[in-house]
Amino acid sequence: MLQHFGLVVLGAHSGVHLRDLISRYFDKNILLVEPVPYNYLELEKVYRDSKNIIISKNGVLDKNIIDSFYFVKKDSITKLGKHWASQIGSFDKDHILKHKNKRFQIDDEHIEKIDIKFITFEELVKEYSIGSIEMLQIDIEGAEYKIMKSINYDELNINQILFESKHFDGTFKEGEKLDESKKLLILNNYKLKRVDKENILAFK
């Protein structure tokens, strides 16, 4: 039986920045997807008694595959001096390294690699019997384009999609892929609103 989900988050991180959003949908089904191991464990600890909240440690891409996944080592977050370092997980190690600047001296030694199971968005929907979604939030460090292109908007009703746009065409780049995704959303009857310099909201 298909279920209605109030909130689905791809790239939930530790959940710290999601508390207000989760509280808004707390009486509905919620799916939090987060492959970084220490973030996943934190989500499990915080929400283990919440029967309506499901936590998945899969990665989500445009194909079902077991592949390499890179993230900042937990003990490097304090050393690097940026709490948001825990949020940078990617199938592309170079994406993480390209965040390096004079205030964020990340290097190979700070990055951990594991093999994880990536699944498609379609597979995720099947696995959790998702029939409709009120809010889909996507923050997956440059893989947003692949996911949004793969969604069947005719079959699955999603009222709102909040997605990070700043890495659509490469690290810290917006361009043709973002334009293509925006056109696709408009064709599927969404209106678009730039929330801030990093995020766009698509809504019906």
N, C-alpha and C. Protein backbone atom coordinates (compact mmCIF):
# COMPACT_ATOMS: atom_id res chain seq x y z
N MET A 1 0.84 -1.20 0.00
CA MET A 1 0.00 0.00 0.00
C MET A 1 0.87 1.25 0.00
N LEU A 2 0.58 2.15 -0.91
CA LEU A 2 1.38 3.37 -1.01
C LEU A 2 1.10 4.31 0.14
N GLN A 3 2.16 4.99 0.58
CA GLN A 3 2.07 5.88 1.74
C GLN A 3 2.29 7.34 1.31
N HIS A 4 1.62 8.24 2.03
CA HIS A 4 1.87 9.66 1.84
C HIS A 4 2.99 10.09 2.79
N PHE A 5 3.97 10.80 2.26
CA PHE A 5 5.07 11.32 3.08
C PHE A 5 4.99 12.84 3.14
N GLY A 6 5.07 13.34 4.35
CA GLY A 6 5.11 14.79 4.53
C GLY A 6 6.44 15.36 4.08
N LEU A 7 7.51 14.62 4.39
CA LEU A 7 8.85 15.13 4.12
C LEU A 7 9.79 13.99 3.71
N VAL A 8 10.54 14.22 2.63
CA VAL A 8 11.62 13.34 2.21
C VAL A 8 12.85 14.21 2.00
N VAL A 9 13.95 13.85 2.66
CA VAL A 9 15.18 14.64 2.56
C VAL A 9 16.30 13.77 2.03
N LEU A 10 16.87 14.16 0.90
CA LEU A 10 18.05 13.51 0.36
C LEU A 10 19.25 14.36 0.75
N GLY A 11 20.05 13.84 1.66
CA GLY A 11 21.16 14.61 2.21
C GLY A 11 20.73 15.27 3.51
N ALA A 12 20.34 14.44 4.48
CA ALA A 12 19.82 14.97 5.76
C ALA A 12 20.93 15.41 6.70
N HIS A 13 22.17 15.01 6.41
CA HIS A 13 23.31 15.34 7.26
C HIS A 13 23.04 14.87 8.69
N SER A 14 23.36 15.67 9.69
CA SER A 14 23.13 15.25 11.08
C SER A 14 21.72 15.59 11.56
N GLY A 15 20.98 16.32 10.74
CA GLY A 15 19.63 16.72 11.10
C GLY A 15 19.53 18.01 11.87
N VAL A 16 20.67 18.59 12.24
CA VAL A 16 20.67 19.81 13.06
C VAL A 16 19.90 20.94 12.38
N HIS A 17 20.14 21.11 11.08
CA HIS A 17 19.50 22.21 10.35
C HIS A 17 18.11 21.85 9.83
N LEU A 18 17.64 20.66 10.17
CA LEU A 18 16.32 20.22 9.71
C LEU A 18 15.26 20.24 10.80
N ARG A 19 15.66 20.61 12.00
CA ARG A 19 14.74 20.47 13.14
C ARG A 19 13.43 21.20 12.94
N ASP A 20 13.48 22.43 12.46
CA ASP A 20 12.24 23.19 12.24
C ASP A 20 11.39 22.54 11.16
N LEU A 21 12.05 22.10 10.09
CA LEU A 21 11.33 21.46 8.99
C LEU A 21 10.71 20.14 9.43
N ILE A 22 11.45 19.35 10.18
CA ILE A 22 10.92 18.08 10.69
C ILE A 22 9.74 18.31 11.63
N SER A 23 9.84 19.32 12.47
CA SER A 23 8.73 19.61 13.40
C SER A 23 7.46 20.00 12.65
N ARG A 24 7.62 20.58 11.48
CA ARG A 24 6.47 20.99 10.67
C ARG A 24 5.70 19.78 10.15
N TYR A 25 6.42 18.68 9.93
CA TYR A 25 5.81 17.47 9.37
C TYR A 25 5.83 16.31 10.36
N PHE A 26 5.97 16.60 11.63
CA PHE A 26 6.23 15.56 12.62
C PHE A 26 5.09 14.56 12.78
N ASP A 27 3.88 14.93 12.40
CA ASP A 27 2.75 14.02 12.52
C ASP A 27 2.52 13.21 11.25
N LYS A 28 3.47 13.31 10.30
CA LYS A 28 3.35 12.60 9.03
C LYS A 28 4.58 11.73 8.81
N ASN A 29 4.53 10.89 7.79
CA ASN A 29 5.69 10.06 7.46
C ASN A 29 6.84 10.93 6.99
N ILE A 30 8.04 10.62 7.48
CA ILE A 30 9.25 11.35 7.12
C ILE A 30 10.34 10.35 6.76
N LEU A 31 11.04 10.61 5.66
CA LEU A 31 12.18 9.78 5.25
C LEU A 31 13.41 10.66 5.17
N LEU A 32 14.44 10.31 5.95
CA LEU A 32 15.71 11.03 5.97
C LEU A 32 16.78 10.12 5.37
N VAL A 33 17.41 10.56 4.28
CA VAL A 33 18.42 9.77 3.60
C VAL A 33 19.78 10.41 3.82
N GLU A 34 20.71 9.64 4.39
CA GLU A 34 22.03 10.19 4.73
C GLU A 34 23.08 9.09 4.76
N PRO A 35 24.02 9.08 3.79
CA PRO A 35 25.02 8.01 3.72
C PRO A 35 26.29 8.22 4.55
N VAL A 36 26.57 9.45 5.01
CA VAL A 36 27.78 9.66 5.82
C VAL A 36 27.58 8.94 7.16
N PRO A 37 28.43 7.98 7.50
CA PRO A 37 28.18 7.10 8.66
C PRO A 37 27.93 7.83 9.98
N TYR A 38 28.76 8.82 10.33
CA TYR A 38 28.56 9.47 11.63
C TYR A 38 27.31 10.35 11.64
N ASN A 39 26.91 10.87 10.49
CA ASN A 39 25.66 11.62 10.42
C ASN A 39 24.46 10.69 10.56
N TYR A 40 24.55 9.55 9.87
CA TYR A 40 23.48 8.55 9.95
C TYR A 40 23.28 8.08 11.40
N LEU A 41 24.37 7.83 12.11
CA LEU A 41 24.28 7.38 13.51
C LEU A 41 23.65 8.46 14.39
N GLU A 42 23.97 9.70 14.11
CA GLU A 42 23.38 10.80 14.89
C GLU A 42 21.88 10.89 14.65
N LEU A 43 21.46 10.73 13.41
CA LEU A 43 20.03 10.73 13.10
C LEU A 43 19.31 9.58 13.80
N GLU A 44 19.94 8.41 13.78
CA GLU A 44 19.36 7.24 14.45
C GLU A 44 19.19 7.49 15.94
N LYS A 45 20.19 8.11 16.55
CA LYS A 45 20.15 8.38 17.99
C LYS A 45 19.03 9.36 18.33
N VAL A 46 18.91 10.40 17.55
CA VAL A 46 17.93 11.45 17.83
C VAL A 46 16.49 10.98 17.57
N TYR A 47 16.30 10.19 16.51
CA TYR A 47 14.93 9.87 16.08
C TYR A 47 14.56 8.40 16.24
N ARG A 48 15.32 7.66 17.03
CA ARG A 48 15.06 6.22 17.15
C ARG A 48 13.70 5.91 17.76
N ASP A 49 13.12 6.82 18.55
CA ASP A 49 11.81 6.57 19.16
C ASP A 49 10.65 7.15 18.34
N SER A 50 10.98 7.74 17.20
CA SER A 50 9.94 8.35 16.35
C SER A 50 9.54 7.35 15.27
N LYS A 51 8.39 6.70 15.49
CA LYS A 51 7.98 5.60 14.60
C LYS A 51 7.65 6.06 13.18
N ASN A 52 7.34 7.34 13.02
CA ASN A 52 6.99 7.83 11.68
C ASN A 52 8.20 8.31 10.89
N ILE A 53 9.39 8.29 11.51
CA ILE A 53 10.60 8.76 10.83
C ILE A 53 11.48 7.57 10.45
N ILE A 54 11.73 7.45 9.15
CA ILE A 54 12.58 6.40 8.60
C ILE A 54 13.92 7.01 8.23
N ILE A 55 15.01 6.31 8.54
CA ILE A 55 16.34 6.80 8.20
C ILE A 55 17.02 5.78 7.30
N SER A 56 17.48 6.24 6.15
CA SER A 56 18.15 5.37 5.18
C SER A 56 19.59 5.82 5.01
N LYS A 57 20.50 4.85 4.91
CA LYS A 57 21.91 5.19 4.70
C LYS A 57 22.36 4.95 3.27
N ASN A 58 21.42 4.78 2.37
CA ASN A 58 21.77 4.66 0.95
C ASN A 58 22.20 6.01 0.38
N GLY A 59 23.00 5.95 -0.67
CA GLY A 59 23.19 7.12 -1.50
C GLY A 59 22.12 7.08 -2.58
N VAL A 60 21.79 8.21 -3.16
CA VAL A 60 20.80 8.25 -4.23
C VAL A 60 21.44 8.87 -5.47
N LEU A 61 21.39 8.13 -6.57
CA LEU A 61 21.93 8.60 -7.85
C LEU A 61 20.94 8.24 -8.95
N ASP A 62 21.43 8.21 -10.19
CA ASP A 62 20.55 7.88 -11.32
C ASP A 62 20.70 6.42 -11.76
N LYS A 63 21.39 5.59 -10.93
CA LYS A 63 21.51 4.17 -11.23
C LYS A 63 21.74 3.40 -9.94
N ASN A 64 21.37 2.12 -9.95
CA ASN A 64 21.60 1.25 -8.80
C ASN A 64 22.99 0.63 -8.91
N ILE A 65 23.84 0.96 -7.96
CA ILE A 65 25.23 0.53 -8.06
C ILE A 65 25.91 0.60 -6.69
N ILE A 66 26.86 -0.28 -6.46
CA ILE A 66 27.73 -0.15 -5.29
C ILE A 66 29.00 0.54 -5.77
N ASP A 67 29.31 1.69 -5.16
CA ASP A 67 30.43 2.49 -5.64
C ASP A 67 31.06 3.28 -4.50
N SER A 68 32.14 3.96 -4.81
CA SER A 68 32.88 4.73 -3.80
C SER A 68 32.11 5.99 -3.40
N PHE A 69 32.21 6.30 -2.12
CA PHE A 69 31.60 7.51 -1.58
C PHE A 69 32.62 8.16 -0.66
N TYR A 70 32.75 9.48 -0.79
CA TYR A 70 33.79 10.22 -0.07
C TYR A 70 33.15 11.23 0.88
N PHE A 71 33.79 11.41 2.03
CA PHE A 71 33.31 12.39 3.01
C PHE A 71 34.47 12.81 3.91
N VAL A 72 34.26 13.90 4.63
CA VAL A 72 35.29 14.40 5.54
C VAL A 72 35.32 13.54 6.79
N LYS A 73 36.51 13.09 7.17
CA LYS A 73 36.64 12.28 8.38
C LYS A 73 36.11 13.04 9.59
N LYS A 74 35.49 12.30 10.49
CA LYS A 74 34.89 12.93 11.66
C LYS A 74 35.91 13.70 12.49
N ASP A 75 37.10 13.11 12.69
CA ASP A 75 38.10 13.78 13.52
C ASP A 75 38.79 14.93 12.80
N SER A 76 38.49 15.12 11.51
CA SER A 76 39.07 16.25 10.77
C SER A 76 38.19 17.49 10.81
N ILE A 77 36.94 17.32 11.21
CA ILE A 77 36.00 18.46 11.19
C ILE A 77 36.49 19.57 12.13
N THR A 78 36.87 19.20 13.34
CA THR A 78 37.38 20.18 14.30
C THR A 78 38.71 20.76 13.83
N LYS A 79 39.57 19.91 13.30
CA LYS A 79 40.88 20.36 12.82
C LYS A 79 40.73 21.40 11.71
N LEU A 80 39.76 21.19 10.84
CA LEU A 80 39.56 22.10 9.71
C LEU A 80 38.83 23.37 10.12
N GLY A 81 38.19 23.34 11.28
CA GLY A 81 37.58 24.55 11.82
C GLY A 81 36.28 24.97 11.16
N LYS A 82 35.62 24.06 10.46
CA LYS A 82 34.35 24.38 9.81
C LYS A 82 33.34 23.28 10.11
N HIS A 83 32.30 23.60 10.88
CA HIS A 83 31.31 22.59 11.26
C HIS A 83 30.59 22.02 10.05
N TRP A 84 30.48 22.84 8.98
CA TRP A 84 29.74 22.37 7.80
C TRP A 84 30.52 21.33 7.00
N ALA A 85 31.76 21.06 7.41
CA ALA A 85 32.55 20.04 6.71
C ALA A 85 31.87 18.67 6.78
N SER A 86 31.09 18.45 7.82
CA SER A 86 30.38 17.16 7.97
C SER A 86 29.30 16.98 6.92
N GLN A 87 28.95 18.06 6.23
CA GLN A 87 27.87 18.01 5.25
C GLN A 87 28.36 17.71 3.84
N ILE A 88 29.68 17.65 3.66
CA ILE A 88 30.22 17.47 2.32
C ILE A 88 30.51 15.99 2.08
N GLY A 89 29.55 15.29 1.54
CA GLY A 89 29.73 13.89 1.14
C GLY A 89 29.40 13.77 -0.33
N SER A 90 30.21 13.04 -1.09
CA SER A 90 30.01 13.01 -2.54
C SER A 90 30.58 11.73 -3.14
N PHE A 91 30.05 11.35 -4.31
CA PHE A 91 30.62 10.24 -5.07
C PHE A 91 31.88 10.71 -5.80
N ASP A 92 32.16 12.01 -5.75
CA ASP A 92 33.30 12.62 -6.45
C ASP A 92 34.24 13.26 -5.42
N LYS A 93 35.41 12.66 -5.21
CA LYS A 93 36.36 13.19 -4.23
C LYS A 93 36.81 14.60 -4.58
N ASP A 94 36.98 14.88 -5.86
CA ASP A 94 37.43 16.21 -6.28
C ASP A 94 36.44 17.29 -5.88
N HIS A 95 35.17 16.94 -5.82
CA HIS A 95 34.17 17.92 -5.39
C HIS A 95 34.48 18.42 -3.98
N ILE A 96 34.89 17.52 -3.11
CA ILE A 96 35.24 17.90 -1.74
C ILE A 96 36.52 18.75 -1.73
N LEU A 97 37.52 18.30 -2.48
CA LEU A 97 38.81 19.01 -2.50
C LEU A 97 38.68 20.43 -3.08
N LYS A 98 37.70 20.62 -3.96
CA LYS A 98 37.52 21.95 -4.57
C LYS A 98 36.93 22.96 -3.60
N HIS A 99 36.55 22.52 -2.39
CA HIS A 99 36.10 23.45 -1.35
C HIS A 99 37.29 24.11 -0.64
N LYS A 100 38.49 23.68 -0.98
CA LYS A 100 39.68 24.19 -0.30
C LYS A 100 39.89 25.67 -0.58
N ASN A 101 40.14 26.42 0.47
CA ASN A 101 40.53 27.83 0.35
C ASN A 101 41.42 28.17 1.55
N LYS A 102 41.79 29.41 1.69
CA LYS A 102 42.75 29.76 2.75
C LYS A 102 42.17 29.57 4.16
N ARG A 103 40.85 29.52 4.26
CA ARG A 103 40.22 29.30 5.57
C ARG A 103 39.75 27.87 5.76
N PHE A 104 39.86 27.08 4.72
CA PHE A 104 39.43 25.68 4.78
C PHE A 104 40.46 24.84 4.05
N GLN A 105 41.46 24.41 4.79
CA GLN A 105 42.63 23.74 4.21
C GLN A 105 42.44 22.21 4.13
N ILE A 106 41.42 21.82 3.40
CA ILE A 106 41.16 20.39 3.27
C ILE A 106 42.14 19.75 2.29
N ASP A 107 42.53 18.51 2.58
CA ASP A 107 43.45 17.76 1.74
C ASP A 107 43.04 16.29 1.75
N ASP A 108 43.75 15.48 0.97
CA ASP A 108 43.43 14.05 0.87
C ASP A 108 43.40 13.36 2.23
N GLU A 109 44.27 13.78 3.13
CA GLU A 109 44.37 13.14 4.43
C GLU A 109 43.12 13.30 5.28
N HIS A 110 42.28 14.28 4.93
CA HIS A 110 41.07 14.56 5.69
C HIS A 110 39.84 13.82 5.13
N ILE A 111 40.03 13.09 4.05
CA ILE A 111 38.89 12.48 3.36
C ILE A 111 38.90 10.97 3.53
N GLU A 112 37.72 10.44 3.84
CA GLU A 112 37.55 9.00 3.98
C GLU A 112 36.72 8.47 2.82
N LYS A 113 37.06 7.25 2.39
CA LYS A 113 36.33 6.61 1.29
C LYS A 113 35.72 5.30 1.78
N ILE A 114 34.45 5.09 1.45
CA ILE A 114 33.80 3.82 1.73
C ILE A 114 33.01 3.42 0.49
N ASP A 115 32.66 2.16 0.39
CA ASP A 115 31.76 1.69 -0.66
C ASP A 115 30.35 1.66 -0.10
N ILE A 116 29.42 2.25 -0.82
CA ILE A 116 28.03 2.25 -0.37
C ILE A 116 27.12 1.83 -1.52
N LYS A 117 25.90 1.53 -1.15
CA LYS A 117 24.88 1.16 -2.15
C LYS A 117 24.15 2.43 -2.58
N PHE A 118 24.33 2.79 -3.84
CA PHE A 118 23.56 3.88 -4.44
C PHE A 118 22.31 3.28 -5.09
N ILE A 119 21.19 3.94 -4.88
CA ILE A 119 19.96 3.51 -5.54
C ILE A 119 19.34 4.70 -6.27
N THR A 120 18.50 4.41 -7.24
CA THR A 120 17.82 5.47 -7.96
C THR A 120 16.69 6.04 -7.10
N PHE A 121 16.23 7.22 -7.48
CA PHE A 121 15.08 7.80 -6.79
C PHE A 121 13.86 6.91 -6.95
N GLU A 122 13.71 6.33 -8.13
CA GLU A 122 12.60 5.41 -8.39
C GLU A 122 12.65 4.21 -7.44
N GLU A 123 13.85 3.67 -7.23
CA GLU A 123 14.02 2.54 -6.33
C GLU A 123 13.71 2.94 -4.89
N LEU A 124 14.11 4.15 -4.51
CA LEU A 124 13.81 4.66 -3.17
C LEU A 124 12.31 4.74 -2.95
N VAL A 125 11.60 5.24 -3.94
CA VAL A 125 10.14 5.37 -3.88
C VAL A 125 9.50 3.99 -3.72
N LYS A 126 10.00 3.01 -4.47
CA LYS A 126 9.47 1.65 -4.37
C LYS A 126 9.76 1.03 -3.01
N GLU A 127 11.00 1.19 -2.55
CA GLU A 127 11.42 0.56 -1.30
C GLU A 127 10.59 1.01 -0.11
N TYR A 128 10.19 2.28 -0.10
CA TYR A 128 9.44 2.81 1.04
C TYR A 128 7.97 3.07 0.70
N SER A 129 7.51 2.53 -0.42
CA SER A 129 6.10 2.61 -0.83
C SER A 129 5.58 4.05 -0.78
N ILE A 130 6.34 4.95 -1.39
CA ILE A 130 5.97 6.36 -1.38
C ILE A 130 4.96 6.63 -2.49
N GLY A 131 3.80 7.13 -2.10
CA GLY A 131 2.75 7.44 -3.07
C GLY A 131 2.68 8.91 -3.42
N SER A 132 3.07 9.77 -2.47
CA SER A 132 3.07 11.21 -2.69
C SER A 132 3.96 11.86 -1.63
N ILE A 133 4.43 13.07 -1.94
CA ILE A 133 5.34 13.80 -1.04
C ILE A 133 4.92 15.25 -0.97
N GLU A 134 4.82 15.76 0.24
CA GLU A 134 4.52 17.19 0.38
C GLU A 134 5.76 18.04 0.13
N MET A 135 6.88 17.68 0.73
CA MET A 135 8.12 18.43 0.57
C MET A 135 9.29 17.48 0.32
N LEU A 136 9.96 17.65 -0.80
CA LEU A 136 11.19 16.91 -1.11
C LEU A 136 12.34 17.90 -1.03
N GLN A 137 13.31 17.62 -0.18
CA GLN A 137 14.48 18.48 -0.08
C GLN A 137 15.71 17.71 -0.57
N ILE A 138 16.48 18.34 -1.46
CA ILE A 138 17.64 17.67 -2.06
C ILE A 138 18.88 18.52 -1.85
N ASP A 139 19.83 17.97 -1.11
CA ASP A 139 21.11 18.65 -0.85
C ASP A 139 22.20 17.58 -0.89
N ILE A 140 22.61 17.21 -2.10
CA ILE A 140 23.51 16.07 -2.24
C ILE A 140 24.75 16.41 -3.06
N GLU A 141 25.25 17.61 -2.84
CA GLU A 141 26.58 18.01 -3.30
C GLU A 141 26.85 17.72 -4.78
N GLY A 142 26.02 18.28 -5.63
CA GLY A 142 26.28 18.20 -7.06
C GLY A 142 25.56 17.10 -7.80
N ALA A 143 24.89 16.20 -7.08
CA ALA A 143 24.16 15.11 -7.75
C ALA A 143 22.69 15.48 -7.96
N GLU A 144 22.31 16.69 -7.61
CA GLU A 144 20.92 17.11 -7.73
C GLU A 144 20.40 16.98 -9.17
N TYR A 145 21.24 17.36 -10.13
CA TYR A 145 20.82 17.31 -11.54
C TYR A 145 20.42 15.89 -11.94
N LYS A 146 21.25 14.91 -11.60
CA LYS A 146 20.97 13.52 -11.98
C LYS A 146 19.68 13.03 -11.36
N ILE A 147 19.44 13.39 -10.11
CA ILE A 147 18.22 12.94 -9.42
C ILE A 147 16.98 13.58 -10.02
N MET A 148 17.03 14.90 -10.16
CA MET A 148 15.83 15.62 -10.61
C MET A 148 15.46 15.26 -12.05
N LYS A 149 16.47 14.94 -12.86
CA LYS A 149 16.21 14.52 -14.23
C LYS A 149 15.56 13.14 -14.27
N SER A 150 15.84 12.32 -13.25
CA SER A 150 15.34 10.94 -13.24
C SER A 150 13.94 10.79 -12.64
N ILE A 151 13.42 11.82 -12.00
CA ILE A 151 12.11 11.72 -11.34
C ILE A 151 10.99 11.68 -12.39
N ASN A 152 10.06 10.75 -12.20
CA ASN A 152 8.87 10.71 -13.05
C ASN A 152 7.79 11.58 -12.40
N TYR A 153 7.71 12.82 -12.85
CA TYR A 153 6.79 13.78 -12.24
C TYR A 153 5.33 13.48 -12.55
N ASP A 154 5.07 12.67 -13.58
CA ASP A 154 3.70 12.29 -13.91
C ASP A 154 3.16 11.24 -12.94
N GLU A 155 4.05 10.34 -12.50
CA GLU A 155 3.61 9.24 -11.65
C GLU A 155 3.60 9.60 -10.16
N LEU A 156 4.50 10.47 -9.74
CA LEU A 156 4.62 10.80 -8.32
C LEU A 156 4.29 12.26 -8.09
N ASN A 157 3.30 12.51 -7.25
CA ASN A 157 2.93 13.88 -6.93
C ASN A 157 3.83 14.42 -5.81
N ILE A 158 4.57 15.45 -6.12
CA ILE A 158 5.44 16.13 -5.15
C ILE A 158 5.01 17.59 -5.12
N ASN A 159 4.51 18.04 -4.00
CA ASN A 159 4.00 19.42 -3.93
C ASN A 159 5.09 20.47 -4.01
N GLN A 160 6.19 20.23 -3.27
CA GLN A 160 7.27 21.21 -3.23
C GLN A 160 8.62 20.49 -3.31
N ILE A 161 9.56 21.11 -4.00
CA ILE A 161 10.94 20.59 -4.07
C ILE A 161 11.89 21.72 -3.74
N LEU A 162 12.63 21.57 -2.67
CA LEU A 162 13.65 22.53 -2.30
C LEU A 162 15.00 21.91 -2.62
N PHE A 163 15.76 22.53 -3.49
CA PHE A 163 17.01 21.91 -3.91
C PHE A 163 18.16 22.92 -3.94
N GLU A 164 19.35 22.40 -3.61
CA GLU A 164 20.56 23.22 -3.66
C GLU A 164 20.99 23.35 -5.12
N SER A 165 21.23 24.57 -5.55
CA SER A 165 21.52 24.83 -6.96
C SER A 165 22.99 25.15 -7.23
N LYS A 166 23.76 25.42 -6.21
CA LYS A 166 25.09 26.04 -6.42
C LYS A 166 26.12 25.10 -7.03
N HIS A 167 25.86 23.76 -7.04
CA HIS A 167 26.82 22.82 -7.62
C HIS A 167 26.27 22.10 -8.84
N PHE A 168 25.25 22.62 -9.47
CA PHE A 168 24.58 21.91 -10.56
C PHE A 168 25.51 21.62 -11.74
N ASP A 169 26.36 22.56 -12.07
CA ASP A 169 27.23 22.43 -13.24
C ASP A 169 28.69 22.31 -12.85
N GLY A 170 28.94 21.66 -11.71
CA GLY A 170 30.28 21.55 -11.17
C GLY A 170 30.34 22.27 -9.84
N THR A 171 31.44 22.09 -9.12
CA THR A 171 31.57 22.68 -7.80
C THR A 171 31.51 24.20 -7.89
N PHE A 172 30.53 24.78 -7.19
CA PHE A 172 30.28 26.22 -7.17
C PHE A 172 29.98 26.79 -8.56
N LYS A 173 29.31 26.00 -9.39
CA LYS A 173 28.95 26.45 -10.73
C LYS A 173 27.47 26.22 -11.01
N GLU A 174 26.83 27.21 -11.59
CA GLU A 174 25.46 27.08 -12.09
C GLU A 174 25.49 27.40 -13.59
N GLY A 175 24.77 26.61 -14.38
CA GLY A 175 24.81 26.84 -15.82
C GLY A 175 23.73 26.08 -16.56
N GLU A 176 24.11 25.39 -17.64
CA GLU A 176 23.15 24.76 -18.53
C GLU A 176 22.33 23.67 -17.86
N LYS A 177 22.95 22.88 -16.99
CA LYS A 177 22.22 21.81 -16.32
C LYS A 177 21.15 22.37 -15.40
N LEU A 178 21.47 23.45 -14.72
CA LEU A 178 20.47 24.09 -13.85
C LEU A 178 19.33 24.64 -14.70
N ASP A 179 19.67 25.30 -15.81
CA ASP A 179 18.64 25.84 -16.70
C ASP A 179 17.73 24.72 -17.23
N GLU A 180 18.34 23.59 -17.59
CA GLU A 180 17.56 22.44 -18.08
C GLU A 180 16.60 21.93 -17.01
N SER A 181 17.09 21.85 -15.78
CA SER A 181 16.25 21.36 -14.68
C SER A 181 15.11 22.32 -14.37
N LYS A 182 15.39 23.59 -14.43
CA LYS A 182 14.34 24.60 -14.20
C LYS A 182 13.25 24.51 -15.27
N LYS A 183 13.67 24.32 -16.52
CA LYS A 183 12.69 24.18 -17.61
C LYS A 183 11.84 22.93 -17.42
N LEU A 184 12.49 21.84 -16.98
CA LEU A 184 11.77 20.59 -16.73
C LEU A 184 10.72 20.78 -15.64
N LEU A 185 11.07 21.48 -14.59
CA LEU A 185 10.13 21.72 -13.50
C LEU A 185 8.96 22.58 -13.97
N ILE A 186 9.24 23.60 -14.75
CA ILE A 186 8.18 24.48 -15.27
C ILE A 186 7.24 23.68 -16.18
N LEU A 187 7.81 22.79 -17.00
CA LEU A 187 6.99 21.93 -17.86
C LEU A 187 6.06 21.02 -17.07
N ASN A 188 6.49 20.73 -15.83
CA ASN A 188 5.68 19.88 -14.95
C ASN A 188 4.87 20.70 -13.95
N ASN A 189 4.57 21.93 -14.34
CA ASN A 189 3.63 22.82 -13.64
C ASN A 189 4.13 23.33 -12.30
N TYR A 190 5.44 23.44 -12.15
CA TYR A 190 6.00 24.05 -10.94
C TYR A 190 6.31 25.52 -11.19
N LYS A 191 6.17 26.31 -10.15
CA LYS A 191 6.67 27.68 -10.15
C LYS A 191 7.98 27.68 -9.36
N LEU A 192 8.88 28.59 -9.69
CA LEU A 192 10.19 28.60 -9.08
C LEU A 192 10.43 29.88 -8.29
N LYS A 193 11.08 29.71 -7.15
CA LYS A 193 11.42 30.86 -6.32
C LYS A 193 12.84 30.68 -5.79
N ARG A 194 13.68 31.67 -6.02
CA ARG A 194 15.04 31.64 -5.48
C ARG A 194 14.96 31.99 -3.99
N VAL A 195 15.24 31.00 -3.15
CA VAL A 195 15.15 31.18 -1.69
C VAL A 195 16.33 32.00 -1.18
N ASP A 196 17.52 31.64 -1.64
CA ASP A 196 18.74 32.38 -1.32
C ASP A 196 19.75 32.08 -2.42
N LYS A 197 21.00 32.47 -2.24
CA LYS A 197 21.98 32.32 -3.32
C LYS A 197 22.35 30.86 -3.59
N GLU A 198 21.93 29.95 -2.70
CA GLU A 198 22.30 28.54 -2.85
C GLU A 198 21.12 27.62 -3.14
N ASN A 199 19.89 28.05 -2.91
CA ASN A 199 18.73 27.14 -2.97
C ASN A 199 17.56 27.72 -3.76
N ILE A 200 16.83 26.82 -4.41
CA ILE A 200 15.64 27.18 -5.18
C ILE A 200 14.48 26.33 -4.71
N LEU A 201 13.31 26.93 -4.61
CA LEU A 201 12.08 26.21 -4.24
C LEU A 201 11.20 26.10 -5.48
N ALA A 202 10.80 24.86 -5.79
CA ALA A 202 9.82 24.62 -6.84
C ALA A 202 8.51 24.22 -6.14
N PHE A 203 7.43 24.85 -6.52
CA PHE A 203 6.16 24.59 -5.83
C PHE A 203 4.99 24.66 -6.82
N LYS A 204 3.90 23.97 -6.44
CA LYS A 204 2.68 23.98 -7.25
C LYS A 204 1.63 24.84 -6.59
